[in-house]
Protein backbone atom coordinates (compact mmCIF):
# COMPACT_ATOMS: atom_id res chain seq x y z
CA UNK A 1 -5.43 28.14 241.97
CA UNK A 2 -6.84 27.20 238.60
CA UNK A 3 -10.59 26.56 238.47
CA UNK A 4 -11.99 23.64 236.50
CA UNK A 5 -15.53 24.93 236.98
CA UNK A 6 -14.62 28.30 235.50
CA UNK A 7 -12.78 26.70 232.57
CA UNK A 8 -15.74 24.42 231.80
CA UNK A 9 -17.96 27.50 231.51
CA UNK A 10 -15.73 29.09 228.85
CA UNK A 11 -15.11 27.07 225.67
CA UNK A 12 -12.18 29.24 224.58
CA UNK A 13 -10.38 28.98 227.92
CA UNK A 14 -11.03 25.24 228.15
CA UNK A 15 -9.54 24.65 224.71
CA UNK A 16 -6.57 26.89 225.51
CA UNK A 17 -5.66 25.06 228.70
CA UNK A 18 -6.67 21.46 227.98
CA UNK A 19 -7.02 21.20 224.21
CA UNK A 20 -10.61 19.95 224.55
CA UNK A 21 -14.03 21.55 224.44
CA UNK A 22 -16.12 21.21 227.61
CA UNK A 23 -18.28 18.49 226.00
CA UNK A 24 -15.19 16.56 224.84
CA UNK A 25 -13.71 16.92 228.32
CA UNK A 26 -16.85 15.56 229.99
CA UNK A 27 -17.01 12.64 227.55
CA UNK A 28 -13.35 11.72 228.16
CA UNK A 29 -13.80 12.11 231.92
CA UNK A 30 -16.18 9.15 231.98
CA UNK A 31 -13.67 6.69 230.51
CA UNK A 32 -10.83 8.30 232.50
CA UNK A 33 -12.80 7.70 235.71
CA UNK A 34 -13.35 4.06 234.79
CA UNK A 35 -9.64 3.60 234.10
CA UNK A 36 -8.69 5.22 237.42
CA UNK A 37 -11.06 2.87 239.23
CA UNK A 38 -9.61 -0.19 237.46
CA UNK A 39 -6.06 0.96 238.20
CA UNK A 40 -6.93 1.45 241.87
CA UNK A 41 -8.40 -2.03 242.18
CA UNK A 42 -5.39 -3.61 240.50
CA UNK A 43 -3.02 -1.69 242.78
CA UNK A 44 -5.05 -2.69 245.86
CA UNK A 45 -5.02 -6.39 244.96
CA UNK A 46 -1.29 -6.31 244.24
CA UNK A 47 -0.44 -4.54 247.51
CA UNK A 48 -2.84 -6.78 249.47
CA UNK A 49 -1.13 -9.91 248.13
CA UNK A 50 2.27 -8.49 249.07
CA UNK A 51 1.05 -7.61 252.56
CA UNK A 52 1.81 -3.91 252.06
CA UNK A 53 -1.77 -2.67 252.37
CA UNK A 54 -2.66 -0.79 255.57
CA UNK A 55 -6.08 0.60 254.61
CA UNK A 56 -9.08 -0.43 252.58
CA UNK A 57 -9.67 1.41 249.29
CA UNK A 58 -10.92 4.91 249.98
CA UNK A 59 -9.20 5.11 253.35
CA UNK A 60 -6.62 7.73 254.17
CA UNK A 61 -6.27 11.37 253.35
CA UNK A 62 -8.23 13.00 250.53
CA UNK A 63 -5.83 14.90 248.31
CA UNK A 64 -6.20 18.36 246.80
CA UNK A 65 -7.39 16.74 243.56
CA UNK A 66 -10.48 15.10 244.98
CA UNK A 67 -12.41 14.41 241.76
CA UNK A 68 -11.59 12.45 238.64
CA UNK A 69 -12.29 15.56 236.55
CA UNK A 70 -9.70 17.58 238.50
CA UNK A 71 -7.10 14.85 238.00
CA UNK A 72 -7.81 14.71 234.29
CA UNK A 73 -7.71 18.51 234.09
CA UNK A 74 -4.24 18.46 235.69
CA UNK A 75 -2.80 15.93 233.27
CA UNK A 76 -4.37 17.58 230.21
CA UNK A 77 -3.07 20.97 231.34
CA UNK A 78 0.38 19.47 231.75
CA UNK A 79 0.45 18.06 228.23
CA UNK A 80 -1.19 21.06 226.55
CA UNK A 81 0.77 23.85 228.26
CA UNK A 82 3.83 21.84 229.43
CA UNK A 83 4.61 23.93 232.53
CA UNK A 84 7.39 22.92 234.89
CA UNK A 85 6.21 20.66 237.70
CA UNK A 86 6.65 23.47 240.22
CA UNK A 87 4.38 25.73 238.13
CA UNK A 88 1.87 22.90 237.66
CA UNK A 89 1.88 22.39 241.41
CA UNK A 90 1.29 26.09 241.98
CA UNK A 91 -1.64 26.10 239.55
CA UNK A 92 -3.28 23.13 241.27
CA UNK A 93 -2.28 23.93 244.87
CA UNK A 94 0.20 21.05 245.10
CA UNK A 95 3.85 20.71 245.96
CA UNK A 96 6.07 20.24 242.90
CA UNK A 97 6.95 16.69 243.96
CA UNK A 98 3.27 15.86 244.37
CA UNK A 99 2.58 17.28 240.90
CA UNK A 100 5.34 15.00 239.59
CA UNK A 101 3.80 11.93 241.24
CA UNK A 102 0.40 12.82 239.78
CA UNK A 103 1.86 13.21 236.27
CA UNK A 104 3.63 9.86 236.57
CA UNK A 105 0.51 8.13 237.87
CA UNK A 106 -2.05 9.74 235.53
CA UNK A 107 -0.11 9.61 232.24
CA UNK A 108 -0.56 5.86 231.64
CA UNK A 109 -4.24 6.14 232.58
CA UNK A 110 -4.78 8.92 230.03
CA UNK A 111 -2.86 6.91 227.41
CA UNK A 112 -5.14 3.94 228.09
CA UNK A 113 -8.20 6.14 227.51
CA UNK A 114 -6.71 7.35 224.24
CA UNK A 115 -6.15 3.80 223.02
CA UNK A 116 -9.77 2.92 223.74
CA UNK A 117 -11.17 5.93 221.87
CA UNK A 118 -8.87 5.53 218.86
């Protein structure tokens, strides 16, 4: 499995896999985390109104990508290296279909962060 902590300790590796320096990554992670939180609240309210919500926010299983930084690392790795979803899943200890769901979910959030910083 790929290690975010190890990549953050090596500028060259971090740039090679994500396209960002460790300081740029940490700066972007703050706005990415805010966008994930906003997206989660919007999704919760929508599902609550539709009657489809079974748990409160934060309930349920914790996935393999437990932190915002790990989620951002996955999506940046995907766009920088462009591996197949099965390879991306292998790198991040996910099933290929789960990697696909993460890419679909995280791409608009990353785009939103890019619009705000531009």
